[in-house]
Amino acid sequence: MTTFRDRYGSYALVTGASGGIGEEFARQLAHRGLNLVLVARRQEKLEELAAALTASANVDVKTVVLDLLAEDAIATLLKATESVDIGLVVLNAGTLIMGPFLDGTLQEHTDLVSLNVFVPMQLAHQFGNRLVRRGRGGLMFVASIVGEHPTPYEANYAASKAYVSSLGRALHVELSKAGIDVTVLAPGLVDTPMLQNAPADVTETKLSVTGPGPVVRAALDGLGRRVLVIPGALNKLTDVTLKHVPRSTGVRIAGSILGRMLANPTPHIEPSTSPAAGTPPS
C-alpha cells in the first residue's frame, strides 16, 4: 500500500504555519510521516511547534522565519530550501480584511493582494518547477468558499481567493501530466485566530463554524483525488445553492449574511503568514 510519504517524498513545506489552518496542516502532515519546512513570521511560535512535532511525531522540522511581503522573500525562501527535497507545498499564508471595502486603507488592500495572490502564484511557479523536475509531488492551495462567490464586506479577500481557486484548478489539469497532484481547499468558517479576531459576530447567522482538524483532514484526503475540496455538508449545500440562483441574487444573499455577522462593521486586518504575519485564512 502506498503511504502518503511514498507518494510525496520526505518533506512538506507549509506557509503561514504559525497558527490556525497552517499549524493544523503541519500537525497532520507530521503524523502522516512527513518532515516539515514551516514558514511564518513568529519565530517563537514556529520553534514551539517544531519542538512539539519533533517530539510527538519523530520527524525533522525546519523553520524559516520570513515575512512573505518582504521584497526578497521568495528568493530567500528558495535559497533556504534549495537543499531540501520538498515534495508537497501547502500555500496557506494569507490575510483578511472584513468590513466595507472603502473603510480599508489602500495599503491594506494592496498588501492583501500581494500576500493572497502574488505570493502563492510565485511560489506555485517556483516550487512547481521543482516538483516537475522531481517527477512527482503535490501542491495544496488554501482558498475559501467566498472565493467561489463574490462576497460584499469581504470584497477584496473574496476576489483574491477567487484567483487562488482559479489558478489551482487550472494547474490541477496542467501539472497532472507531470505527475503533480494539485488540490484547492475552500473552507467556510473555521475556528482560527483570524476568525476570532474578525469584527464579526458569527452567532448572527446560522452558518456553522468548523475546527481546523476536520478541514485539513478533508484537504489531505482529497489531495490527488479531487480538484476542489469544500469541507462540511452545509458549506457544500451553500455553494451549490448560490451557484443555482441568479448571480445578482447570490451576491445579495452573501452581502446579507456578512452584514448580519458584522455587529460593528469596521475594517479589520488579521495578517497571516505568522507572527507579524498572523494566521491562515478562513
C-alpha atoms as a PDB file:
ATOM      1  CA  MET A   1       0.000   0.000   0.000  1.00  0.00           C
ATOM      2  CA  THR A   2       1.393   3.407  -0.996  1.00  0.00           C
ATOM      3  CA  THR A   3       1.797   5.711   2.000  1.00  0.00           C
ATOM      4  CA  PHE A   4       1.494   9.488   1.997  1.00  0.00           C
ATOM      5  CA  ARG A   5       5.271   9.751   2.331  1.00  0.00           C
ATOM      6  CA  ASP A   6       5.817   7.313  -0.544  1.00  0.00           C
ATOM      7  CA  ARG A   7       3.651   9.489  -2.771  1.00  0.00           C
ATOM      8  CA  TYR A   8       5.007  12.925  -1.868  1.00  0.00           C
ATOM      9  CA  GLY A   9       8.510  12.367  -0.553  1.00  0.00           C
ATOM     10  CA  SER A  10      10.073  13.144   2.767  1.00  0.00           C
ATOM     11  CA  TYR A  11       9.467  16.911   3.182  1.00  0.00           C
ATOM     12  CA  ALA A  12       6.416  19.152   3.014  1.00  0.00           C
ATOM     13  CA  LEU A  13       6.553  22.953   3.071  1.00  0.00           C
ATOM     14  CA  VAL A  14       3.757  24.897   4.786  1.00  0.00           C
ATOM     15  CA  THR A  15       3.425  28.683   4.630  1.00  0.00           C
ATOM     16  CA  GLY A  16       1.511  30.550   7.307  1.00  0.00           C
ATOM     17  CA  ALA A  17       2.340  27.724   9.706  1.00  0.00           C
ATOM     18  CA  SER A  18       2.307  29.652  12.973  1.00  0.00           C
ATOM     19  CA  GLY A  19      -1.393  29.163  13.723  1.00  0.00           C
ATOM     20  CA  GLY A  20      -4.828  28.130  12.540  1.00  0.00           C
ATOM     21  CA  ILE A  21      -5.112  26.040   9.402  1.00  0.00           C
ATOM     22  CA  GLY A  22      -1.385  26.218   8.655  1.00  0.00           C
ATOM     23  CA  GLU A  23      -0.467  24.867  12.084  1.00  0.00           C
ATOM     24  CA  GLU A  24      -3.007  22.082  11.661  1.00  0.00           C
ATOM     25  CA  PHE A  25      -1.527  21.157   8.274  1.00  0.00           C
ATOM     26  CA  ALA A  26       1.861  20.892   9.982  1.00  0.00           C
ATOM     27  CA  ARG A  27       0.492  18.639  12.721  1.00  0.00           C
ATOM     28  CA  GLN A  28      -1.383  16.302  10.403  1.00  0.00           C
ATOM     29  CA  LEU A  29       1.426  16.064   7.870  1.00  0.00           C
ATOM     30  CA  ALA A  30       3.895  15.244  10.642  1.00  0.00           C
ATOM     31  CA  HIS A  31       1.662  12.443  11.870  1.00  0.00           C
ATOM     32  CA  ARG A  32       1.429  11.143   8.309  1.00  0.00           C
ATOM     33  CA  GLY A  33       5.196  10.745   8.425  1.00  0.00           C
ATOM     34  CA  LEU A  34       6.418  13.814   6.516  1.00  0.00           C
ATOM     35  CA  ASN A  35       9.289  16.007   7.631  1.00  0.00           C
ATOM     36  CA  LEU A  36       8.462  19.681   7.518  1.00  0.00           C
ATOM     37  CA  VAL A  37       9.641  23.117   6.461  1.00  0.00           C
ATOM     38  CA  LEU A  38       7.484  25.643   8.309  1.00  0.00           C
ATOM     39  CA  VAL A  39       7.340  29.254   7.133  1.00  0.00           C
ATOM     40  CA  ALA A  40       5.943  32.152   9.154  1.00  0.00           C
ATOM     41  CA  ARG A  41       6.991  35.373  10.861  1.00  0.00           C
ATOM     42  CA  ARG A  42       6.580  34.400  14.519  1.00  0.00           C
ATOM     43  CA  GLN A  43       9.855  32.768  15.450  1.00  0.00           C
ATOM     44  CA  GLU A  44       8.845  31.739  18.979  1.00  0.00           C
ATOM     45  CA  LYS A  45       5.628  30.111  17.789  1.00  0.00           C
ATOM     46  CA  LEU A  46       7.406  28.259  14.981  1.00  0.00           C
ATOM     47  CA  GLU A  47      10.083  26.953  17.318  1.00  0.00           C
ATOM     48  CA  GLU A  48       7.483  25.773  19.835  1.00  0.00           C
ATOM     49  CA  LEU A  49       5.572  23.949  17.129  1.00  0.00           C
ATOM     50  CA  ALA A  50       8.737  22.429  15.675  1.00  0.00           C
ATOM     51  CA  ALA A  51       9.796  21.101  19.073  1.00  0.00           C
ATOM     52  CA  ALA A  52       6.361  19.649  19.762  1.00  0.00           C
ATOM     53  CA  LEU A  53       6.155  17.867  16.415  1.00  0.00           C
ATOM     54  CA  THR A  54       9.693  16.564  16.614  1.00  0.00           C
ATOM     55  CA  ALA A  55       8.862  15.014  19.980  1.00  0.00           C
ATOM     56  CA  SER A  56       5.392  13.673  19.171  1.00  0.00           C
ATOM     57  CA  ALA A  57       5.843  12.505  15.570  1.00  0.00           C
ATOM     58  CA  ASN A  58       9.598  11.892  15.423  1.00  0.00           C
ATOM     59  CA  VAL A  59      10.057  13.996  12.288  1.00  0.00           C
ATOM     60  CA  ASP A  60      12.606  16.598  11.244  1.00  0.00           C
ATOM     61  CA  VAL A  61      11.181  20.120  11.319  1.00  0.00           C
ATOM     62  CA  LYS A  62      12.997  23.065   9.765  1.00  0.00           C
ATOM     63  CA  THR A  63      11.746  26.604  10.337  1.00  0.00           C
ATOM     64  CA  VAL A  64      12.083  29.652   8.090  1.00  0.00           C
ATOM     65  CA  VAL A  65      11.204  32.892   9.849  1.00  0.00           C
ATOM     66  CA  LEU A  66      10.111  35.101   6.987  1.00  0.00           C
ATOM     67  CA  ASP A  67       7.810  37.974   6.087  1.00  0.00           C
ATOM     68  CA  LEU A  68       6.407  36.891   2.728  1.00  0.00           C
ATOM     69  CA  LEU A  69       5.646  40.521   1.892  1.00  0.00           C
ATOM     70  CA  ALA A  70       9.337  41.424   2.023  1.00  0.00           C
ATOM     71  CA  GLU A  71      10.840  42.366  -1.331  1.00  0.00           C
ATOM     72  CA  ASP A  72      13.264  39.430  -1.372  1.00  0.00           C
ATOM     73  CA  ALA A  73      11.001  36.913   0.374  1.00  0.00           C
ATOM     74  CA  ILE A  74      10.612  34.456  -2.487  1.00  0.00           C
ATOM     75  CA  ALA A  75      14.334  34.389  -3.243  1.00  0.00           C
ATOM     76  CA  THR A  76      15.095  33.976   0.469  1.00  0.00           C
ATOM     77  CA  LEU A  77      12.733  31.016   0.791  1.00  0.00           C
ATOM     78  CA  LEU A  78      14.081  29.351  -2.340  1.00  0.00           C
ATOM     79  CA  LYS A  79      17.624  29.765  -1.047  1.00  0.00           C
ATOM     80  CA  ALA A  80      16.717  28.393   2.381  1.00  0.00           C
ATOM     81  CA  THR A  81      15.154  25.267   0.859  1.00  0.00           C
ATOM     82  CA  GLU A  82      17.441  24.597  -2.096  1.00  0.00           C
ATOM     83  CA  SER A  83      18.984  21.517  -0.482  1.00  0.00           C
ATOM     84  CA  VAL A  84      15.694  20.120   0.858  1.00  0.00           C
ATOM     85  CA  ASP A  85      13.785  17.554  -1.199  1.00  0.00           C
ATOM     86  CA  ILE A  86      10.332  19.130  -0.877  1.00  0.00           C
ATOM     87  CA  GLY A  87       7.605  17.028  -2.429  1.00  0.00           C
ATOM     88  CA  LEU A  88       4.486  18.753  -1.111  1.00  0.00           C
ATOM     89  CA  VAL A  89       3.835  22.503  -0.890  1.00  0.00           C
ATOM     90  CA  VAL A  90       0.917  23.910   1.115  1.00  0.00           C
ATOM     91  CA  LEU A  91       0.242  27.503   0.061  1.00  0.00           C
ATOM     92  CA  ASN A  92      -1.692  28.658   3.086  1.00  0.00           C
ATOM     93  CA  ALA A  93      -0.409  32.094   4.129  1.00  0.00           C
ATOM     94  CA  GLY A  94      -2.936  34.851   3.627  1.00  0.00           C
ATOM     95  CA  THR A  95      -4.647  37.814   5.214  1.00  0.00           C
ATOM     96  CA  LEU A  96      -8.223  39.012   5.673  1.00  0.00           C
ATOM     97  CA  ILE A  97      -9.933  42.399   5.546  1.00  0.00           C
ATOM     98  CA  MET A  98     -13.561  42.262   6.656  1.00  0.00           C
ATOM     99  CA  GLY A  99     -15.860  45.277   6.514  1.00  0.00           C
ATOM    100  CA  PRO A 100     -16.856  47.917   3.957  1.00  0.00           C
ATOM    101  CA  PHE A 101     -14.299  47.995   1.139  1.00  0.00           C
ATOM    102  CA  LEU A 102     -13.755  51.770   1.271  1.00  0.00           C
ATOM    103  CA  ASP A 103     -13.083  51.702   5.018  1.00  0.00           C
ATOM    104  CA  GLY A 104      -9.877  49.754   4.474  1.00  0.00           C
ATOM    105  CA  THR A 105      -6.803  51.734   3.502  1.00  0.00           C
ATOM    106  CA  LEU A 106      -5.324  51.413   0.039  1.00  0.00           C
ATOM    107  CA  GLN A 107      -2.133  49.986   1.563  1.00  0.00           C
ATOM    108  CA  GLU A 108      -4.071  47.313   3.453  1.00  0.00           C
ATOM    109  CA  HIS A 109      -5.881  46.235   0.296  1.00  0.00           C
ATOM    110  CA  THR A 110      -2.650  46.295  -1.718  1.00  0.00           C
ATOM    111  CA  ASP A 111      -0.875  44.152   0.888  1.00  0.00           C
ATOM    112  CA  LEU A 112      -3.775  41.706   0.854  1.00  0.00           C
ATOM    113  CA  VAL A 113      -3.493  41.249  -2.902  1.00  0.00           C
ATOM    114  CA  SER A 114       0.278  40.874  -2.637  1.00  0.00           C
ATOM    115  CA  LEU A 115       0.090  38.167   0.042  1.00  0.00           C
ATOM    116  CA  ASN A 116      -3.054  36.359  -1.130  1.00  0.00           C
ATOM    117  CA  VAL A 117      -2.436  36.496  -4.890  1.00  0.00           C
ATOM    118  CA  PHE A 118       1.149  37.277  -5.909  1.00  0.00           C
ATOM    119  CA  VAL A 119       2.879  35.164  -3.256  1.00  0.00           C
ATOM    120  CA  PRO A 120       1.019  31.888  -3.943  1.00  0.00           C
ATOM    121  CA  MET A 121       1.370  32.431  -7.685  1.00  0.00           C
ATOM    122  CA  GLN A 122       5.121  32.993  -7.372  1.00  0.00           C
ATOM    123  CA  LEU A 123       5.610  30.032  -5.032  1.00  0.00           C
ATOM    124  CA  ALA A 124       3.479  27.775  -7.227  1.00  0.00           C
ATOM    125  CA  HIS A 125       5.635  28.707 -10.216  1.00  0.00           C
ATOM    126  CA  GLN A 126       8.962  28.230  -8.455  1.00  0.00           C
ATOM    127  CA  PHE A 127       8.147  25.086  -6.498  1.00  0.00           C
ATOM    128  CA  GLY A 128       6.025  23.758  -9.349  1.00  0.00           C
ATOM    129  CA  ASN A 129       9.160  23.677 -11.490  1.00  0.00           C
ATOM    130  CA  ARG A 130      10.993  21.827  -8.739  1.00  0.00           C
ATOM    131  CA  LEU A 131       8.209  19.263  -8.435  1.00  0.00           C
ATOM    132  CA  VAL A 132       8.143  18.691 -12.189  1.00  0.00           C
ATOM    133  CA  ARG A 133      11.883  18.034 -12.134  1.00  0.00           C
ATOM    134  CA  ARG A 134      11.292  15.517  -9.325  1.00  0.00           C
ATOM    135  CA  GLY A 135       8.641  13.781 -11.422  1.00  0.00           C
ATOM    136  CA  ARG A 136       6.100  13.670  -8.598  1.00  0.00           C
ATOM    137  CA  GLY A 137       4.708  15.803  -5.800  1.00  0.00           C
ATOM    138  CA  GLY A 138       1.765  17.915  -4.730  1.00  0.00           C
ATOM    139  CA  LEU A 139       0.528  21.486  -4.428  1.00  0.00           C
ATOM    140  CA  MET A 140      -2.227  22.466  -1.993  1.00  0.00           C
ATOM    141  CA  PHE A 141      -3.828  25.894  -2.471  1.00  0.00           C
ATOM    142  CA  VAL A 142      -5.788  27.240   0.503  1.00  0.00           C
ATOM    143  CA  ALA A 143      -8.604  29.370  -0.852  1.00  0.00           C
ATOM    144  CA  SER A 144     -12.028  29.971   0.738  1.00  0.00           C
ATOM    145  CA  ILE A 145     -15.658  29.275  -0.022  1.00  0.00           C
ATOM    146  CA  VAL A 146     -16.100  33.038  -0.506  1.00  0.00           C
ATOM    147  CA  GLY A 147     -13.660  32.730  -3.400  1.00  0.00           C
ATOM    148  CA  GLU A 148     -16.344  30.751  -5.206  1.00  0.00           C
ATOM    149  CA  HIS A 149     -18.832  33.644  -4.942  1.00  0.00           C
ATOM    150  CA  PRO A 150     -18.479  37.473  -4.868  1.00  0.00           C
ATOM    151  CA  THR A 151     -18.947  38.495  -1.231  1.00  0.00           C
ATOM    152  CA  PRO A 152     -19.761  42.040  -0.078  1.00  0.00           C
ATOM    153  CA  TYR A 153     -17.886  43.163   3.051  1.00  0.00           C
ATOM    154  CA  GLU A 154     -15.112  40.735   2.103  1.00  0.00           C
ATOM    155  CA  ALA A 155     -14.882  42.044  -1.439  1.00  0.00           C
ATOM    156  CA  ASN A 156     -11.111  42.145  -1.884  1.00  0.00           C
ATOM    157  CA  TYR A 157     -10.496  38.982   0.163  1.00  0.00           C
ATOM    158  CA  ALA A 158     -13.103  37.035  -1.805  1.00  0.00           C
ATOM    159  CA  ALA A 159     -11.663  38.298  -5.092  1.00  0.00           C
ATOM    160  CA  SER A 160      -8.158  37.234  -4.032  1.00  0.00           C
ATOM    161  CA  LYS A 161      -9.387  33.761  -3.121  1.00  0.00           C
ATOM    162  CA  ALA A 162     -11.209  33.522  -6.454  1.00  0.00           C
ATOM    163  CA  TYR A 163      -7.825  33.987  -8.112  1.00  0.00           C
ATOM    164  CA  VAL A 164      -6.257  31.284  -5.933  1.00  0.00           C
ATOM    165  CA  SER A 165      -9.098  28.874  -6.684  1.00  0.00           C
ATOM    166  CA  SER A 166      -8.959  29.532 -10.421  1.00  0.00           C
ATOM    167  CA  LEU A 167      -5.173  29.165 -10.555  1.00  0.00           C
ATOM    168  CA  GLY A 168      -5.192  25.957  -8.551  1.00  0.00           C
ATOM    169  CA  ARG A 169      -7.955  24.300 -10.566  1.00  0.00           C
ATOM    170  CA  ALA A 170      -6.245  25.164 -13.828  1.00  0.00           C
ATOM    171  CA  LEU A 171      -2.904  23.813 -12.606  1.00  0.00           C
ATOM    172  CA  HIS A 172      -4.666  20.637 -11.497  1.00  0.00           C
ATOM    173  CA  VAL A 173      -5.048  19.852 -15.202  1.00  0.00           C
ATOM    174  CA  GLU A 174      -1.717  21.236 -16.438  1.00  0.00           C
ATOM    175  CA  LEU A 175       0.524  19.603 -13.851  1.00  0.00           C
ATOM    176  CA  SER A 176      -1.225  16.246 -13.757  1.00  0.00           C
ATOM    177  CA  LYS A 177       0.669  15.375 -16.941  1.00  0.00           C
ATOM    178  CA  ALA A 178       3.905  15.696 -14.945  1.00  0.00           C
ATOM    179  CA  GLY A 179       2.682  13.566 -12.047  1.00  0.00           C
ATOM    180  CA  ILE A 180       1.902  16.516  -9.765  1.00  0.00           C
ATOM    181  CA  ASP A 181      -1.286  16.459  -7.682  1.00  0.00           C
ATOM    182  CA  VAL A 182      -2.945  19.866  -7.259  1.00  0.00           C
ATOM    183  CA  THR A 183      -5.927  20.461  -4.976  1.00  0.00           C
ATOM    184  CA  VAL A 184      -7.739  23.616  -3.844  1.00  0.00           C
ATOM    185  CA  LEU A 185      -9.116  23.757  -0.308  1.00  0.00           C
ATOM    186  CA  ALA A 186     -12.102  26.105   0.025  1.00  0.00           C
ATOM    187  CA  PRO A 187     -13.272  26.064   3.651  1.00  0.00           C
ATOM    188  CA  GLY A 188     -16.120  28.002   5.180  1.00  0.00           C
ATOM    189  CA  LEU A 189     -15.910  29.484   8.668  1.00  0.00           C
ATOM    190  CA  VAL A 190     -13.040  27.888  10.572  1.00  0.00           C
ATOM    191  CA  ASP A 191     -12.270  28.433  14.245  1.00  0.00           C
ATOM    192  CA  THR A 192      -8.882  30.125  13.890  1.00  0.00           C
ATOM    193  CA  PRO A 193      -7.341  33.311  15.328  1.00  0.00           C
ATOM    194  CA  MET A 194      -8.275  35.050  12.077  1.00  0.00           C
ATOM    195  CA  LEU A 195     -11.978  34.410  12.626  1.00  0.00           C
ATOM    196  CA  GLN A 196     -11.746  35.019  16.372  1.00  0.00           C
ATOM    197  CA  ASN A 197     -10.213  38.452  15.771  1.00  0.00           C
ATOM    198  CA  ALA A 198     -12.526  39.463  12.942  1.00  0.00           C
ATOM    199  CA  PRO A 199     -15.099  42.228  13.621  1.00  0.00           C
ATOM    200  CA  ALA A 200     -17.956  39.805  13.062  1.00  0.00           C
ATOM    201  CA  ASP A 201     -20.455  38.000  15.249  1.00  0.00           C
ATOM    202  CA  VAL A 202     -20.934  34.562  13.700  1.00  0.00           C
ATOM    203  CA  THR A 203     -23.821  33.881  16.068  1.00  0.00           C
ATOM    204  CA  GLU A 204     -25.798  36.365  13.983  1.00  0.00           C
ATOM    205  CA  THR A 205     -26.048  33.733  11.250  1.00  0.00           C
ATOM    206  CA  LYS A 206     -26.869  30.031  11.111  1.00  0.00           C
ATOM    207  CA  LEU A 207     -23.555  29.231   9.446  1.00  0.00           C
ATOM    208  CA  SER A 208     -21.550  26.526  11.187  1.00  0.00           C
ATOM    209  CA  VAL A 209     -18.014  27.069  12.440  1.00  0.00           C
ATOM    210  CA  THR A 210     -15.670  24.108  11.985  1.00  0.00           C
ATOM    211  CA  GLY A 211     -12.447  23.339  13.808  1.00  0.00           C
ATOM    212  CA  PRO A 212      -9.299  23.226  11.650  1.00  0.00           C
ATOM    213  CA  GLY A 213      -8.821  19.484  12.233  1.00  0.00           C
ATOM    214  CA  PRO A 214     -11.650  18.185  10.004  1.00  0.00           C
ATOM    215  CA  VAL A 215     -10.910  20.855   7.385  1.00  0.00           C
ATOM    216  CA  VAL A 216      -7.274  19.836   6.978  1.00  0.00           C
ATOM    217  CA  ARG A 217      -8.123  16.129   7.112  1.00  0.00           C
ATOM    218  CA  ALA A 218     -10.576  16.578   4.248  1.00  0.00           C
ATOM    219  CA  ALA A 219      -7.972  18.502   2.256  1.00  0.00           C
ATOM    220  CA  LEU A 220      -5.245  15.883   2.679  1.00  0.00           C
ATOM    221  CA  ASP A 221      -7.650  13.019   1.978  1.00  0.00           C
ATOM    222  CA  GLY A 222      -8.706  14.828  -1.197  1.00  0.00           C
ATOM    223  CA  LEU A 223      -5.195  15.535  -2.448  1.00  0.00           C
ATOM    224  CA  GLY A 224      -4.619  13.549  -5.622  1.00  0.00           C
ATOM    225  CA  ARG A 225      -8.311  12.639  -5.764  1.00  0.00           C
ATOM    226  CA  ARG A 226     -10.236  15.905  -6.056  1.00  0.00           C
ATOM    227  CA  VAL A 227      -9.551  19.267  -7.618  1.00  0.00           C
ATOM    228  CA  LEU A 228     -11.710  21.250  -5.149  1.00  0.00           C
ATOM    229  CA  VAL A 229     -12.388  20.343  -1.520  1.00  0.00           C
ATOM    230  CA  ILE A 230     -15.221  22.162   0.291  1.00  0.00           C
ATOM    231  CA  PRO A 231     -15.390  20.625   3.773  1.00  0.00           C
ATOM    232  CA  GLY A 232     -18.734  20.288   5.549  1.00  0.00           C
ATOM    233  CA  ALA A 233     -22.199  19.374   4.319  1.00  0.00           C
ATOM    234  CA  LEU A 234     -23.642  22.836   4.997  1.00  0.00           C
ATOM    235  CA  ASN A 235     -20.811  24.536   3.123  1.00  0.00           C
ATOM    236  CA  LYS A 236     -21.351  22.233   0.143  1.00  0.00           C
ATOM    237  CA  LEU A 237     -25.079  22.970   0.199  1.00  0.00           C
ATOM    238  CA  THR A 238     -24.428  26.721   0.402  1.00  0.00           C
ATOM    239  CA  ASP A 239     -22.020  26.536  -2.534  1.00  0.00           C
ATOM    240  CA  VAL A 240     -24.453  24.569  -4.698  1.00  0.00           C
ATOM    241  CA  THR A 241     -27.371  26.819  -3.776  1.00  0.00           C
ATOM    242  CA  LEU A 242     -25.545  30.033  -4.626  1.00  0.00           C
ATOM    243  CA  LYS A 243     -24.450  28.569  -7.957  1.00  0.00           C
ATOM    244  CA  HIS A 244     -28.033  27.832  -8.921  1.00  0.00           C
ATOM    245  CA  VAL A 245     -29.571  31.231  -8.244  1.00  0.00           C
ATOM    246  CA  PRO A 246     -29.115  34.327 -10.435  1.00  0.00           C
ATOM    247  CA  ARG A 247     -25.663  35.831  -9.868  1.00  0.00           C
ATOM    248  CA  SER A 248     -27.055  39.131  -8.622  1.00  0.00           C
ATOM    249  CA  THR A 249     -29.238  37.283  -6.121  1.00  0.00           C
ATOM    250  CA  GLY A 250     -26.278  35.260  -4.884  1.00  0.00           C
ATOM    251  CA  VAL A 251     -24.246  38.412  -4.249  1.00  0.00           C
ATOM    252  CA  ARG A 252     -27.135  39.982  -2.318  1.00  0.00           C
ATOM    253  CA  ILE A 253     -27.522  36.827  -0.212  1.00  0.00           C
ATOM    254  CA  ALA A 254     -23.802  36.809   0.601  1.00  0.00           C
ATOM    255  CA  GLY A 255     -23.940  40.503   1.485  1.00  0.00           C
ATOM    256  CA  SER A 256     -26.913  39.929   3.766  1.00  0.00           C
ATOM    257  CA  ILE A 257     -25.117  37.124   5.610  1.00  0.00           C
ATOM    258  CA  LEU A 258     -21.931  39.163   6.098  1.00  0.00           C
ATOM    259  CA  GLY A 259     -23.912  42.225   7.041  1.00  0.00           C
ATOM    260  CA  ARG A 260     -25.564  40.305   9.888  1.00  0.00           C
ATOM    261  CA  MET A 261     -22.186  38.969  11.015  1.00  0.00           C
ATOM    262  CA  LEU A 262     -20.673  42.438  11.202  1.00  0.00           C
ATOM    263  CA  ALA A 263     -22.051  43.643  14.508  1.00  0.00           C
ATOM    264  CA  ASN A 264     -19.704  46.609  14.212  1.00  0.00           C
ATOM    265  CA  PRO A 265     -18.662  46.831  10.540  1.00  0.00           C
ATOM    266  CA  THR A 266     -15.288  48.487  10.882  1.00  0.00           C
ATOM    267  CA  PRO A 267     -12.299  47.406   8.812  1.00  0.00           C
ATOM    268  CA  HIS A 268     -10.035  44.857  10.453  1.00  0.00           C
ATOM    269  CA  ILE A 269      -6.971  43.121   9.121  1.00  0.00           C
ATOM    270  CA  GLU A 270      -5.510  39.947  10.606  1.00  0.00           C
ATOM    271  CA  PRO A 271      -2.174  39.114   8.978  1.00  0.00           C
ATOM    272  CA  SER A 272      -1.482  35.557   8.262  1.00  0.00           C
ATOM    273  CA  THR A 273       1.975  34.444   7.439  1.00  0.00           C
ATOM    274  CA  SER A 274       2.959  34.156  11.029  1.00  0.00           C
ATOM    275  CA  PRO A 275       3.830  36.364  13.977  1.00  0.00           C
ATOM    276  CA  ALA A 276       3.804  39.588  12.239  1.00  0.00           C
ATOM    277  CA  ALA A 277       2.058  37.692   9.555  1.00  0.00           C
ATOM    278  CA  GLY A 278      -0.509  36.194  11.787  1.00  0.00           C
ATOM    279  CA  THR A 279      -2.823  33.348  10.978  1.00  0.00           C
ATOM    280  CA  PRO A 280      -4.007  31.473   7.921  1.00  0.00           C
ATOM    281  CA  PRO A 281      -7.121  32.360   6.026  1.00  0.00           C
ATOM    282  CA  SER A 282     -10.517  31.164   6.967  1.00  0.00           C
END
